Amino acid sequence: MAQLVTPMLPVLAMVAIMWSAEVVDTALDGRLDRFGIRPRRLDGLDGVLFAPFLHSGFGHLVANTLPFLLMGAAICLGGTRRFVQVTLLVGLVGDLGDLVRPITAELLFGHHDAAVPATR
C-alpha cells in the first residue's frame, strides 16, 4: 500500500491544502480570495503563489478535486520530481497569463496536458 501512496504524497498534500484553505476561506467569509490573482495589476503578482490553492467555493473545489487527483496520479507515475516540475511550470505560466487575461483552472488543464500523451 505504501508503494501506491508514497508517490502520490505531493498530490494528496496539495489537495489537503486546497480543502483546508477553502474551509478557512468559508469561515472568514471569503476573505482569502483577495490573495488570488488580480488581472492587469502588478499588485496581483503575489496571487501567482496562492491562486492554485484558492477556489470560488466548495462547488468549484469539488469539481476540480477528482480530475486533479487523477491527472496528478498519472503524472506521479513519472516520479515525484516530474509532478513538481509540471506543477511549478504550469502554475507559473498559467497564473502569469491570468495577470493579462483571467483563465480558470490552468493548473488542472496543464496537468491534463502533461498526463495525457499526444495522439499525433
PDB file of N, CA and C in Angstrom:
ATOM      1  N   MET A   1       0.824  -1.207   0.000  1.00  0.00           N
ATOM      2  CA  MET A   1       0.000   0.000   0.000  1.00  0.00           C
ATOM      3  C   MET A   1       0.858   1.257   0.000  1.00  0.00           C
ATOM      4  N   ALA A   2       1.941   1.228   0.774  1.00  0.00           N
ATOM      5  CA  ALA A   2       2.819   2.393   0.847  1.00  0.00           C
ATOM      6  C   ALA A   2       3.432   2.699  -0.514  1.00  0.00           C
ATOM      7  N   GLN A   3       3.643   1.664  -1.329  1.00  0.00           N
ATOM      8  CA  GLN A   3       4.212   1.866  -2.660  1.00  0.00           C
ATOM      9  C   GLN A   3       3.268   2.662  -3.549  1.00  0.00           C
ATOM     10  N   LEU A   4       1.968   2.572  -3.299  1.00  0.00           N
ATOM     11  CA  LEU A   4       0.986   3.334  -4.074  1.00  0.00           C
ATOM     12  C   LEU A   4       0.809   4.745  -3.540  1.00  0.00           C
ATOM     13  N   VAL A   5       0.850   4.893  -2.223  1.00  0.00           N
ATOM     14  CA  VAL A   5       0.568   6.183  -1.598  1.00  0.00           C
ATOM     15  C   VAL A   5       1.772   7.120  -1.650  1.00  0.00           C
ATOM     16  N   THR A   6       2.962   6.600  -1.432  1.00  0.00           N
ATOM     17  CA  THR A   6       4.154   7.456  -1.352  1.00  0.00           C
ATOM     18  C   THR A   6       4.354   8.340  -2.582  1.00  0.00           C
ATOM     19  N   PRO A   7       4.256   7.814  -3.809  1.00  0.00           N
ATOM     20  CA  PRO A   7       4.425   8.702  -4.969  1.00  0.00           C
ATOM     21  C   PRO A   7       3.323   9.757  -5.075  1.00  0.00           C
ATOM     22  N   MET A   8       2.174   9.473  -4.455  1.00  0.00           N
ATOM     23  CA  MET A   8       1.028  10.387  -4.538  1.00  0.00           C
ATOM     24  C   MET A   8       1.059  11.480  -3.467  1.00  0.00           C
ATOM     25  N   LEU A   9       2.019  11.449  -2.557  1.00  0.00           N
ATOM     26  CA  LEU A   9       2.042  12.406  -1.449  1.00  0.00           C
ATOM     27  C   LEU A   9       1.978  13.868  -1.901  1.00  0.00           C
ATOM     28  N   PRO A  10       2.710  14.289  -2.937  1.00  0.00           N
ATOM     29  CA  PRO A  10       2.587  15.693  -3.344  1.00  0.00           C
ATOM     30  C   PRO A  10       1.168  16.056  -3.795  1.00  0.00           C
ATOM     31  N   VAL A  11       0.520  15.158  -4.508  1.00  0.00           N
ATOM     32  CA  VAL A  11      -0.855  15.410  -4.968  1.00  0.00           C
ATOM     33  C   VAL A  11      -1.796  15.472  -3.771  1.00  0.00           C
ATOM     34  N   LEU A  12      -1.671  14.498  -2.884  1.00  0.00           N
ATOM     35  CA  LEU A  12      -2.540  14.463  -1.701  1.00  0.00           C
ATOM     36  C   LEU A  12      -2.308  15.677  -0.810  1.00  0.00           C
ATOM     37  N   ALA A  13      -1.060  16.101  -0.690  1.00  0.00           N
ATOM     38  CA  ALA A  13      -0.757  17.293   0.118  1.00  0.00           C
ATOM     39  C   ALA A  13      -1.387  18.535  -0.497  1.00  0.00           C
ATOM     40  N   MET A  14      -1.297  18.674  -1.820  1.00  0.00           N
ATOM     41  CA  MET A  14      -1.906  19.845  -2.471  1.00  0.00           C
ATOM     42  C   MET A  14      -3.421  19.849  -2.289  1.00  0.00           C
ATOM     43  N   VAL A  15      -4.044  18.687  -2.427  1.00  0.00           N
ATOM     44  CA  VAL A  15      -5.496  18.605  -2.242  1.00  0.00           C
ATOM     45  C   VAL A  15      -5.866  18.955  -0.803  1.00  0.00           C
ATOM     46  N   ALA A  16      -5.085  18.471   0.149  1.00  0.00           N
ATOM     47  CA  ALA A  16      -5.350  18.796   1.560  1.00  0.00           C
ATOM     48  C   ALA A  16      -5.236  20.297   1.803  1.00  0.00           C
ATOM     49  N   ILE A  17      -4.236  20.924   1.204  1.00  0.00           N
ATOM     50  CA  ILE A  17      -4.078  22.381   1.354  1.00  0.00           C
ATOM     51  C   ILE A  17      -5.252  23.114   0.714  1.00  0.00           C
ATOM     52  N   MET A  18      -5.666  22.668  -0.479  1.00  0.00           N
ATOM     53  CA  MET A  18      -6.795  23.312  -1.162  1.00  0.00           C
ATOM     54  C   MET A  18      -8.062  23.240  -0.311  1.00  0.00           C
ATOM     55  N   TRP A  19      -8.355  22.048   0.242  1.00  0.00           N
ATOM     56  CA  TRP A  19      -9.561  21.881   1.062  1.00  0.00           C
ATOM     57  C   TRP A  19      -9.454  22.665   2.361  1.00  0.00           C
ATOM     58  N   SER A  20      -8.287  22.656   2.974  1.00  0.00           N
ATOM     59  CA  SER A  20      -8.089  23.425   4.212  1.00  0.00           C
ATOM     60  C   SER A  20      -8.267  24.913   3.951  1.00  0.00           C
ATOM     61  N   ALA A  21      -7.701  25.384   2.849  1.00  0.00           N
ATOM     62  CA  ALA A  21      -7.824  26.800   2.502  1.00  0.00           C
ATOM     63  C   ALA A  21      -9.280  27.178   2.282  1.00  0.00           C
ATOM     64  N   GLU A  22     -10.053  26.302   1.637  1.00  0.00           N
ATOM     65  CA  GLU A  22     -11.464  26.617   1.391  1.00  0.00           C
ATOM     66  C   GLU A  22     -12.273  26.607   2.681  1.00  0.00           C
ATOM     67  N   VAL A  23     -11.943  25.716   3.612  1.00  0.00           N
ATOM     68  CA  VAL A  23     -12.623  25.709   4.914  1.00  0.00           C
ATOM     69  C   VAL A  23     -12.341  27.018   5.645  1.00  0.00           C
ATOM     70  N   VAL A  24     -11.073  27.426   5.657  1.00  0.00           N
ATOM     71  CA  VAL A  24     -10.698  28.680   6.314  1.00  0.00           C
ATOM     72  C   VAL A  24     -11.347  29.862   5.589  1.00  0.00           C
ATOM     73  N   ASP A  25     -11.326  29.848   4.250  1.00  0.00           N
ATOM     74  CA  ASP A  25     -11.918  30.928   3.468  1.00  0.00           C
ATOM     75  C   ASP A  25     -13.413  31.062   3.767  1.00  0.00           C
ATOM     76  N   THR A  26     -14.088  29.940   3.887  1.00  0.00           N
ATOM     77  CA  THR A  26     -15.520  29.968   4.210  1.00  0.00           C
ATOM     78  C   THR A  26     -15.744  30.538   5.601  1.00  0.00           C
ATOM     79  N   ALA A  27     -14.922  30.114   6.548  1.00  0.00           N
ATOM     80  CA  ALA A  27     -15.045  30.625   7.923  1.00  0.00           C
ATOM     81  C   ALA A  27     -14.767  32.129   7.985  1.00  0.00           C
ATOM     82  N   LEU A  28     -13.918  32.615   7.080  1.00  0.00           N
ATOM     83  CA  LEU A  28     -13.572  34.044   7.040  1.00  0.00           C
ATOM     84  C   LEU A  28     -14.446  34.820   6.055  1.00  0.00           C
ATOM     85  N   ASP A  29     -15.544  34.205   5.638  1.00  0.00           N
ATOM     86  CA  ASP A  29     -16.491  34.859   4.733  1.00  0.00           C
ATOM     87  C   ASP A  29     -15.844  35.267   3.405  1.00  0.00           C
ATOM     88  N   GLY A  30     -14.968  34.402   2.873  1.00  0.00           N
ATOM     89  CA  GLY A  30     -14.370  34.630   1.557  1.00  0.00           C
ATOM     90  C   GLY A  30     -13.211  35.603   1.534  1.00  0.00           C
ATOM     91  N   ARG A  31     -12.671  35.936   2.683  1.00  0.00           N
ATOM     92  CA  ARG A  31     -11.605  36.949   2.717  1.00  0.00           C
ATOM     93  C   ARG A  31     -10.264  36.467   2.161  1.00  0.00           C
ATOM     94  N   LEU A  32     -10.064  35.169   2.059  1.00  0.00           N
ATOM     95  CA  LEU A  32      -8.806  34.683   1.476  1.00  0.00           C
ATOM     96  C   LEU A  32      -8.751  34.918  -0.036  1.00  0.00           C
ATOM     97  N   ASP A  33      -9.906  35.041  -0.666  1.00  0.00           N
ATOM     98  CA  ASP A  33      -9.950  35.219  -2.116  1.00  0.00           C
ATOM     99  C   ASP A  33      -9.215  36.477  -2.577  1.00  0.00           C
ATOM    100  N   ARG A  34      -9.052  37.425  -1.690  1.00  0.00           N
ATOM    101  CA  ARG A  34      -8.330  38.655  -2.070  1.00  0.00           C
ATOM    102  C   ARG A  34      -6.859  38.376  -2.337  1.00  0.00           C
ATOM    103  N   PHE A  35      -6.368  37.209  -1.911  1.00  0.00           N
ATOM    104  CA  PHE A  35      -4.977  36.849  -2.161  1.00  0.00           C
ATOM    105  C   PHE A  35      -4.788  36.169  -3.509  1.00  0.00           C
ATOM    106  N   GLY A  36      -5.857  36.053  -4.280  1.00  0.00           N
ATOM    107  CA  GLY A  36      -5.755  35.479  -5.625  1.00  0.00           C
ATOM    108  C   GLY A  36      -5.190  36.499  -6.609  1.00  0.00           C
ATOM    109  N   ILE A  37      -5.153  36.105  -7.841  1.00  0.00           N
ATOM    110  CA  ILE A  37      -4.606  36.974  -8.892  1.00  0.00           C
ATOM    111  C   ILE A  37      -5.590  38.086  -9.208  1.00  0.00           C
ATOM    112  N   ARG A  38      -5.069  39.290  -9.340  1.00  0.00           N
ATOM    113  CA  ARG A  38      -5.861  40.438  -9.769  1.00  0.00           C
ATOM    114  C   ARG A  38      -5.383  40.807 -11.164  1.00  0.00           C
ATOM    115  N   PRO A  39      -6.171  40.469 -12.189  1.00  0.00           N
ATOM    116  CA  PRO A  39      -5.729  40.693 -13.573  1.00  0.00           C
ATOM    117  C   PRO A  39      -5.358  42.147 -13.853  1.00  0.00           C
ATOM    118  N   ARG A  40      -4.351  42.297 -14.676  1.00  0.00           N
ATOM    119  CA  ARG A  40      -3.865  43.595 -15.166  1.00  0.00           C
ATOM    120  C   ARG A  40      -3.443  44.540 -14.045  1.00  0.00           C
ATOM    121  N   ARG A  41      -2.946  43.968 -12.926  1.00  0.00           N
ATOM    122  CA  ARG A  41      -2.459  44.787 -11.815  1.00  0.00           C
ATOM    123  C   ARG A  41      -1.180  44.165 -11.263  1.00  0.00           C
ATOM    124  N   LEU A  42      -0.150  44.966 -11.108  1.00  0.00           N
ATOM    125  CA  LEU A  42       1.110  44.458 -10.579  1.00  0.00           C
ATOM    126  C   LEU A  42       0.980  43.959  -9.146  1.00  0.00           C
ATOM    127  N   ASP A  43       0.069  44.552  -8.380  1.00  0.00           N
ATOM    128  CA  ASP A  43      -0.101  44.073  -7.012  1.00  0.00           C
ATOM    129  C   ASP A  43      -0.809  42.721  -6.970  1.00  0.00           C
ATOM    130  N   GLY A  44      -1.149  42.186  -8.133  1.00  0.00           N
ATOM    131  CA  GLY A  44      -1.728  40.858  -8.208  1.00  0.00           C
ATOM    132  C   GLY A  44      -0.692  39.764  -8.360  1.00  0.00           C
ATOM    133  N   LEU A  45       0.585  40.138  -8.434  1.00  0.00           N
ATOM    134  CA  LEU A  45       1.647  39.149  -8.630  1.00  0.00           C
ATOM    135  C   LEU A  45       1.751  38.147  -7.485  1.00  0.00           C
ATOM    136  N   ASP A  46       1.495  38.579  -6.251  1.00  0.00           N
ATOM    137  CA  ASP A  46       1.574  37.634  -5.137  1.00  0.00           C
ATOM    138  C   ASP A  46       0.526  36.534  -5.265  1.00  0.00           C
ATOM    139  N   GLY A  47      -0.521  36.802  -6.012  1.00  0.00           N
ATOM    140  CA  GLY A  47      -1.554  35.800  -6.232  1.00  0.00           C
ATOM    141  C   GLY A  47      -1.076  34.599  -7.032  1.00  0.00           C
ATOM    142  N   VAL A  48       0.027  34.753  -7.767  1.00  0.00           N
ATOM    143  CA  VAL A  48       0.583  33.644  -8.539  1.00  0.00           C
ATOM    144  C   VAL A  48       0.922  32.477  -7.610  1.00  0.00           C
ATOM    145  N   LEU A  49       1.362  32.784  -6.408  1.00  0.00           N
ATOM    146  CA  LEU A  49       1.699  31.727  -5.445  1.00  0.00           C
ATOM    147  C   LEU A  49       0.468  31.095  -4.811  1.00  0.00           C
ATOM    148  N   PHE A  50      -0.567  31.892  -4.612  1.00  0.00           N
ATOM    149  CA  PHE A  50      -1.730  31.428  -3.854  1.00  0.00           C
ATOM    150  C   PHE A  50      -2.879  30.920  -4.719  1.00  0.00           C
ATOM    151  N   ALA A  51      -2.972  31.366  -5.952  1.00  0.00           N
ATOM    152  CA  ALA A  51      -4.123  31.057  -6.806  1.00  0.00           C
ATOM    153  C   ALA A  51      -4.412  29.565  -6.963  1.00  0.00           C
ATOM    154  N   PRO A  52      -3.401  28.697  -7.094  1.00  0.00           N
ATOM    155  CA  PRO A  52      -3.734  27.269  -7.256  1.00  0.00           C
ATOM    156  C   PRO A  52      -4.457  26.670  -6.052  1.00  0.00           C
ATOM    157  N   PHE A  53      -4.382  27.325  -4.918  1.00  0.00           N
ATOM    158  CA  PHE A  53      -4.997  26.792  -3.704  1.00  0.00           C
ATOM    159  C   PHE A  53      -6.319  27.459  -3.364  1.00  0.00           C
ATOM    160  N   LEU A  54      -6.679  28.514  -4.092  1.00  0.00           N
ATOM    161  CA  LEU A  54      -7.916  29.251  -3.818  1.00  0.00           C
ATOM    162  C   LEU A  54      -8.992  28.860  -4.819  1.00  0.00           C
ATOM    163  N   HIS A  55     -10.208  28.717  -4.331  1.00  0.00           N
ATOM    164  CA  HIS A  55     -11.341  28.358  -5.184  1.00  0.00           C
ATOM    165  C   HIS A  55     -12.520  29.251  -4.838  1.00  0.00           C
ATOM    166  N   SER A  56     -13.445  29.363  -5.771  1.00  0.00           N
ATOM    167  CA  SER A  56     -14.593  30.241  -5.552  1.00  0.00           C
ATOM    168  C   SER A  56     -15.753  29.484  -4.911  1.00  0.00           C
ATOM    169  N   GLY A  57     -15.454  28.691  -3.915  1.00  0.00           N
ATOM    170  CA  GLY A  57     -16.476  27.958  -3.194  1.00  0.00           C
ATOM    171  C   GLY A  57     -16.264  26.456  -3.293  1.00  0.00           C
ATOM    172  N   PHE A  58     -17.044  25.730  -2.496  1.00  0.00           N
ATOM    173  CA  PHE A  58     -16.885  24.277  -2.455  1.00  0.00           C
ATOM    174  C   PHE A  58     -17.302  23.599  -3.759  1.00  0.00           C
ATOM    175  N   GLY A  59     -18.260  24.153  -4.473  1.00  0.00           N
ATOM    176  CA  GLY A  59     -18.666  23.575  -5.759  1.00  0.00           C
ATOM    177  C   GLY A  59     -17.507  23.554  -6.737  1.00  0.00           C
ATOM    178  N   HIS A  60     -16.796  24.665  -6.806  1.00  0.00           N
ATOM    179  CA  HIS A  60     -15.624  24.789  -7.669  1.00  0.00           C
ATOM    180  C   HIS A  60     -14.549  23.792  -7.232  1.00  0.00           C
ATOM    181  N   LEU A  61     -14.320  23.701  -5.932  1.00  0.00           N
ATOM    182  CA  LEU A  61     -13.306  22.797  -5.401  1.00  0.00           C
ATOM    183  C   LEU A  61     -13.671  21.337  -5.647  1.00  0.00           C
ATOM    184  N   VAL A  62     -14.913  20.976  -5.428  1.00  0.00           N
ATOM    185  CA  VAL A  62     -15.367  19.605  -5.672  1.00  0.00           C
ATOM    186  C   VAL A  62     -15.172  19.247  -7.147  1.00  0.00           C
ATOM    187  N   ALA A  63     -15.532  20.171  -8.039  1.00  0.00           N
ATOM    188  CA  ALA A  63     -15.401  19.915  -9.476  1.00  0.00           C
ATOM    189  C   ALA A  63     -13.951  19.726  -9.895  1.00  0.00           C
ATOM    190  N   ASN A  64     -13.011  20.356  -9.202  1.00  0.00           N
ATOM    191  CA  ASN A  64     -11.599  20.254  -9.575  1.00  0.00           C
ATOM    192  C   ASN A  64     -10.850  19.125  -8.874  1.00  0.00           C
ATOM    193  N   THR A  65     -11.344  18.649  -7.739  1.00  0.00           N
ATOM    194  CA  THR A  65     -10.577  17.703  -6.931  1.00  0.00           C
ATOM    195  C   THR A  65     -10.351  16.359  -7.627  1.00  0.00           C
ATOM    196  N   LEU A  66     -11.390  15.711  -8.109  1.00  0.00           N
ATOM    197  CA  LEU A  66     -11.219  14.389  -8.724  1.00  0.00           C
ATOM    198  C   LEU A  66     -10.332  14.451  -9.970  1.00  0.00           C
ATOM    199  N   PRO A  67     -10.574  15.381 -10.905  1.00  0.00           N
ATOM    200  CA  PRO A  67      -9.669  15.447 -12.060  1.00  0.00           C
ATOM    201  C   PRO A  67      -8.224  15.741 -11.654  1.00  0.00           C
ATOM    202  N   PHE A  68      -8.035  16.604 -10.647  1.00  0.00           N
ATOM    203  CA  PHE A  68      -6.685  16.914 -10.187  1.00  0.00           C
ATOM    204  C   PHE A  68      -6.023  15.665  -9.603  1.00  0.00           C
ATOM    205  N   LEU A  69      -6.770  14.885  -8.813  1.00  0.00           N
ATOM    206  CA  LEU A  69      -6.230  13.649  -8.239  1.00  0.00           C
ATOM    207  C   LEU A  69      -5.848  12.650  -9.335  1.00  0.00           C
ATOM    208  N   LEU A  70      -6.730  12.475 -10.305  1.00  0.00           N
ATOM    209  CA  LEU A  70      -6.467  11.505 -11.376  1.00  0.00           C
ATOM    210  C   LEU A  70      -5.284  11.916 -12.253  1.00  0.00           C
ATOM    211  N   MET A  71      -5.282  13.169 -12.689  1.00  0.00           N
ATOM    212  CA  MET A  71      -4.179  13.619 -13.546  1.00  0.00           C
ATOM    213  C   MET A  71      -2.883  13.741 -12.763  1.00  0.00           C
ATOM    214  N   GLY A  72      -2.981  14.179 -11.523  1.00  0.00           N
ATOM    215  CA  GLY A  72      -1.791  14.241 -10.682  1.00  0.00           C
ATOM    216  C   GLY A  72      -1.195  12.860 -10.476  1.00  0.00           C
ATOM    217  N   ALA A  73      -2.055  11.854 -10.278  1.00  0.00           N
ATOM    218  CA  ALA A  73      -1.582  10.475 -10.114  1.00  0.00           C
ATOM    219  C   ALA A  73      -0.884  10.006 -11.384  1.00  0.00           C
ATOM    220  N   ALA A  74      -1.471  10.319 -12.529  1.00  0.00           N
ATOM    221  CA  ALA A  74      -0.853   9.915 -13.797  1.00  0.00           C
ATOM    222  C   ALA A  74       0.524  10.554 -13.964  1.00  0.00           C
ATOM    223  N   ILE A  75       0.644  11.811 -13.597  1.00  0.00           N
ATOM    224  CA  ILE A  75       1.941  12.491 -13.698  1.00  0.00           C
ATOM    225  C   ILE A  75       2.917  11.892 -12.695  1.00  0.00           C
ATOM    226  N   CYS A  76       2.431  11.563 -11.507  1.00  0.00           N
ATOM    227  CA  CYS A  76       3.297  10.973 -10.478  1.00  0.00           C
ATOM    228  C   CYS A  76       3.843   9.613 -10.884  1.00  0.00           C
ATOM    229  N   LEU A  77       3.209   8.949 -11.841  1.00  0.00           N
ATOM    230  CA  LEU A  77       3.762   7.693 -12.343  1.00  0.00           C
ATOM    231  C   LEU A  77       5.149   7.925 -12.931  1.00  0.00           C
ATOM    232  N   GLY A  78       5.397   9.144 -13.396  1.00  0.00           N
ATOM    233  CA  GLY A  78       6.714   9.513 -13.908  1.00  0.00           C
ATOM    234  C   GLY A  78       7.657   9.966 -12.812  1.00  0.00           C
ATOM    235  N   GLY A  79       7.199   9.961 -11.583  1.00  0.00           N
ATOM    236  CA  GLY A  79       8.024  10.335 -10.446  1.00  0.00           C
ATOM    237  C   GLY A  79       7.580  11.639  -9.807  1.00  0.00           C
ATOM    238  N   THR A  80       7.934  11.770  -8.546  1.00  0.00           N
ATOM    239  CA  THR A  80       7.592  12.977  -7.793  1.00  0.00           C
ATOM    240  C   THR A  80       8.250  14.200  -8.408  1.00  0.00           C
ATOM    241  N   ARG A  81       9.471  14.045  -8.857  1.00  0.00           N
ATOM    242  CA  ARG A  81      10.185  15.177  -9.456  1.00  0.00           C
ATOM    243  C   ARG A  81       9.433  15.711 -10.672  1.00  0.00           C
ATOM    244  N   ARG A  82       8.925  14.800 -11.504  1.00  0.00           N
ATOM    245  CA  ARG A  82       8.159  15.225 -12.687  1.00  0.00           C
ATOM    246  C   ARG A  82       6.895  15.973 -12.262  1.00  0.00           C
ATOM    247  N   PHE A  83       6.201  15.464 -11.246  1.00  0.00           N
ATOM    248  CA  PHE A  83       4.992  16.136 -10.775  1.00  0.00           C
ATOM    249  C   PHE A  83       5.314  17.560 -10.316  1.00  0.00           C
ATOM    250  N   VAL A  84       6.369  17.700  -9.540  1.00  0.00           N
ATOM    251  CA  VAL A  84       6.757  19.019  -9.034  1.00  0.00           C
ATOM    252  C   VAL A  84       7.133  19.938 -10.190  1.00  0.00           C
ATOM    253  N   GLN A  85       7.899  19.439 -11.155  1.00  0.00           N
ATOM    254  CA  GLN A  85       8.299  20.253 -12.302  1.00  0.00           C
ATOM    255  C   GLN A  85       7.090  20.705 -13.108  1.00  0.00           C
ATOM    256  N   VAL A  86       6.184  19.776 -13.407  1.00  0.00           N
ATOM    257  CA  VAL A  86       4.987  20.113 -14.189  1.00  0.00           C
ATOM    258  C   VAL A  86       4.128  21.110 -13.432  1.00  0.00           C
ATOM    259  N   THR A  87       3.936  20.879 -12.147  1.00  0.00           N
ATOM    260  CA  THR A  87       3.088  21.762 -11.344  1.00  0.00           C
ATOM    261  C   THR A  87       3.655  23.176 -11.271  1.00  0.00           C
ATOM    262  N   LEU A  88       4.964  23.286 -11.049  1.00  0.00           N
ATOM    263  CA  LEU A  88       5.586  24.617 -10.985  1.00  0.00           C
ATOM    264  C   LEU A  88       5.511  25.328 -12.326  1.00  0.00           C
ATOM    265  N   LEU A  89       5.828  24.625 -13.394  1.00  0.00           N
ATOM    266  CA  LEU A  89       5.800  25.243 -14.724  1.00  0.00           C
ATOM    267  C   LEU A  89       4.391  25.676 -15.111  1.00  0.00           C
ATOM    268  N   VAL A  90       3.443  24.759 -14.968  1.00  0.00           N
ATOM    269  CA  VAL A  90       2.065  25.069 -15.339  1.00  0.00           C
ATOM    270  C   VAL A  90       1.484  26.155 -14.451  1.00  0.00           C
ATOM    271  N   GLY A  91       1.748  26.054 -13.151  1.00  0.00           N
ATOM    272  CA  GLY A  91       1.234  27.064 -12.228  1.00  0.00           C
ATOM    273  C   GLY A  91       1.786  28.442 -12.522  1.00  0.00           C
ATOM    274  N   LEU A  92       3.083  28.521 -12.741  1.00  0.00           N
ATOM    275  CA  LEU A  92       3.719  29.814 -13.002  1.00  0.00           C
ATOM    276  C   LEU A  92       3.259  30.408 -14.323  1.00  0.00           C
ATOM    277  N   VAL A  93       3.340  29.637 -15.388  1.00  0.00           N
ATOM    278  CA  VAL A  93       2.961  30.145 -16.707  1.00  0.00           C
ATOM    279  C   VAL A  93       1.473  30.466 -16.756  1.00  0.00           C
ATOM    280  N   GLY A  94       0.651  29.552 -16.232  1.00  0.00           N
ATOM    281  CA  GLY A  94      -0.794  29.786 -16.255  1.00  0.00           C
ATOM    282  C   GLY A  94      -1.200  30.980 -15.417  1.00  0.00           C
ATOM    283  N   ASP A  95      -0.637  31.088 -14.225  1.00  0.00           N
ATOM    284  CA  ASP A  95      -1.010  32.191 -13.340  1.00  0.00           C
ATOM    285  C   ASP A  95      -0.496  33.526 -13.852  1.00  0.00           C
ATOM    286  N   LEU A  96       0.692  33.556 -14.446  1.00  0.00           N
ATOM    287  CA  LEU A  96       1.174  34.812 -15.025  1.00  0.00           C
ATOM    288  C   LEU A  96       0.289  35.235 -16.194  1.00  0.00           C
ATOM    289  N   GLY A  97      -0.203  34.246 -16.936  1.00  0.00           N
ATOM    290  CA  GLY A  97      -1.153  34.554 -18.008  1.00  0.00           C
ATOM    291  C   GLY A  97      -2.434  35.153 -17.474  1.00  0.00           C
ATOM    292  N   ASP A  98      -2.832  34.743 -16.283  1.00  0.00           N
ATOM    293  CA  ASP A  98      -4.034  35.296 -15.665  1.00  0.00           C
ATOM    294  C   ASP A  98      -3.895  36.781 -15.352  1.00  0.00           C
ATOM    295  N   LEU A  99      -2.665  37.240 -15.207  1.00  0.00           N
ATOM    296  CA  LEU A  99      -2.473  38.674 -14.965  1.00  0.00           C
ATOM    297  C   LEU A  99      -2.934  39.490 -16.166  1.00  0.00           C
ATOM    298  N   VAL A 100      -2.853  38.890 -17.342  1.00  0.00           N
ATOM    299  CA  VAL A 100      -3.276  39.565 -18.564  1.00  0.00           C
ATOM    300  C   VAL A 100      -4.754  39.292 -18.838  1.00  0.00           C
ATOM    301  N   ARG A 101      -5.121  38.032 -18.781  1.00  0.00           N
ATOM    302  CA  ARG A 101      -6.496  37.637 -19.080  1.00  0.00           C
ATOM    303  C   ARG A 101      -6.869  36.508 -18.136  1.00  0.00           C
ATOM    304  N   PRO A 102      -7.887  36.679 -17.295  1.00  0.00           N
ATOM    305  CA  PRO A 102      -8.234  35.642 -16.333  1.00  0.00           C
ATOM    306  C   PRO A 102      -8.705  34.349 -17.003  1.00  0.00           C
ATOM    307  N   ILE A 103      -8.067  33.258 -16.649  1.00  0.00           N
ATOM    308  CA  ILE A 103      -8.450  31.930 -17.122  1.00  0.00           C
ATOM    309  C   ILE A 103      -8.519  31.049 -15.884  1.00  0.00           C
ATOM    310  N   THR A 104      -9.559  30.258 -15.769  1.00  0.00           N
ATOM    311  CA  THR A 104      -9.673  29.423 -14.584  1.00  0.00           C
ATOM    312  C   THR A 104      -9.093  28.044 -14.828  1.00  0.00           C
ATOM    313  N   ALA A 105      -8.688  27.406 -13.767  1.00  0.00           N
ATOM    314  CA  ALA A 105      -8.247  26.011 -13.745  1.00  0.00           C
ATOM    315  C   ALA A 105      -7.039  25.724 -14.632  1.00  0.00           C
ATOM    316  N   GLU A 106      -6.118  26.678 -14.744  1.00  0.00           N
ATOM    317  CA  GLU A 106      -4.931  26.429 -15.568  1.00  0.00           C
ATOM    318  C   GLU A 106      -4.098  25.279 -15.047  1.00  0.00           C
ATOM    319  N   LEU A 107      -4.059  25.113 -13.740  1.00  0.00           N
ATOM    320  CA  LEU A 107      -3.297  24.002 -13.164  1.00  0.00           C
ATOM    321  C   LEU A 107      -3.932  22.675 -13.576  1.00  0.00           C
ATOM    322  N   LEU A 108      -5.246  22.613 -13.546  1.00  0.00           N
ATOM    323  CA  LEU A 108      -5.950  21.398 -13.929  1.00  0.00           C
ATOM    324  C   LEU A 108      -5.722  21.080 -15.405  1.00  0.00           C
ATOM    325  N   PHE A 109      -5.860  22.070 -16.277  1.00  0.00           N
ATOM    326  CA  PHE A 109      -5.669  21.831 -17.704  1.00  0.00           C
ATOM    327  C   PHE A 109      -4.207  21.529 -18.032  1.00  0.00           C
ATOM    328  N   GLY A 110      -3.297  22.164 -17.344  1.00  0.00           N
ATOM    329  CA  GLY A 110      -1.882  21.882 -17.562  1.00  0.00           C
ATOM    330  C   GLY A 110      -1.523  20.471 -17.152  1.00  0.00           C
ATOM    331  N   HIS A 111      -2.091  20.011 -16.039  1.00  0.00           N
ATOM    332  CA  HIS A 111      -1.858  18.630 -15.625  1.00  0.00           C
ATOM    333  C   HIS A 111      -2.469  17.665 -16.630  1.00  0.00           C
ATOM    334  N   HIS A 112      -3.610  18.029 -17.177  1.00  0.00           N
ATOM    335  CA  HIS A 112      -4.223  17.190 -18.209  1.00  0.00           C
ATOM    336  C   HIS A 112      -3.275  17.029 -19.382  1.00  0.00           C
ATOM    337  N   ASP A 113      -2.712  18.130 -19.840  1.00  0.00           N
ATOM    338  CA  ASP A 113      -1.816  18.096 -20.990  1.00  0.00           C
ATOM    339  C   ASP A 113      -0.571  17.269 -20.709  1.00  0.00           C
ATOM    340  N   ALA A 114      -0.097  17.287 -19.473  1.00  0.00           N
ATOM    341  CA  ALA A 114       1.093  16.514 -19.116  1.00  0.00           C
ATOM    342  C   ALA A 114       0.763  15.045 -18.893  1.00  0.00           C
ATOM    343  N   ALA A 115      -0.446  14.752 -18.445  1.00  0.00           N
ATOM    344  CA  ALA A 115      -0.826  13.370 -18.117  1.00  0.00           C
ATOM    345  C   ALA A 115      -1.298  12.580 -19.324  1.00  0.00           C
ATOM    346  N   VAL A 116      -1.940  13.264 -20.268  1.00  0.00           N
ATOM    347  CA  VAL A 116      -2.498  12.582 -21.433  1.00  0.00           C
ATOM    348  C   VAL A 116      -1.504  12.714 -22.589  1.00  0.00           C
ATOM    349  N   PRO A 117      -0.962  11.585 -23.060  1.00  0.00           N
ATOM    350  CA  PRO A 117       0.025  11.667 -24.137  1.00  0.00           C
ATOM    351  C   PRO A 117      -0.616  12.171 -25.433  1.00  0.00           C
ATOM    352  N   ALA A 118       0.205  12.827 -26.234  1.00  0.00           N
ATOM    353  CA  ALA A 118      -0.262  13.325 -27.524  1.00  0.00           C
ATOM    354  C   ALA A 118      -0.668  12.145 -28.405  1.00  0.00           C
ATOM    355  N   THR A 119      -1.709  12.322 -29.185  1.00  0.00           N
ATOM    356  CA  THR A 119      -2.196  11.239 -30.025  1.00  0.00           C
ATOM    357  C   THR A 119      -1.721  11.347 -31.470  1.00  0.00           C
ATOM    358  N   ARG A 120      -0.937  12.362 -31.766  1.00  0.00           N
ATOM    359  CA  ARG A 120      -0.456  12.518 -33.142  1.00  0.00           C
ATOM    360  C   ARG A 120       0.921  11.982 -33.302  1.00  0.00           C
TER     361      ARG A 120
END
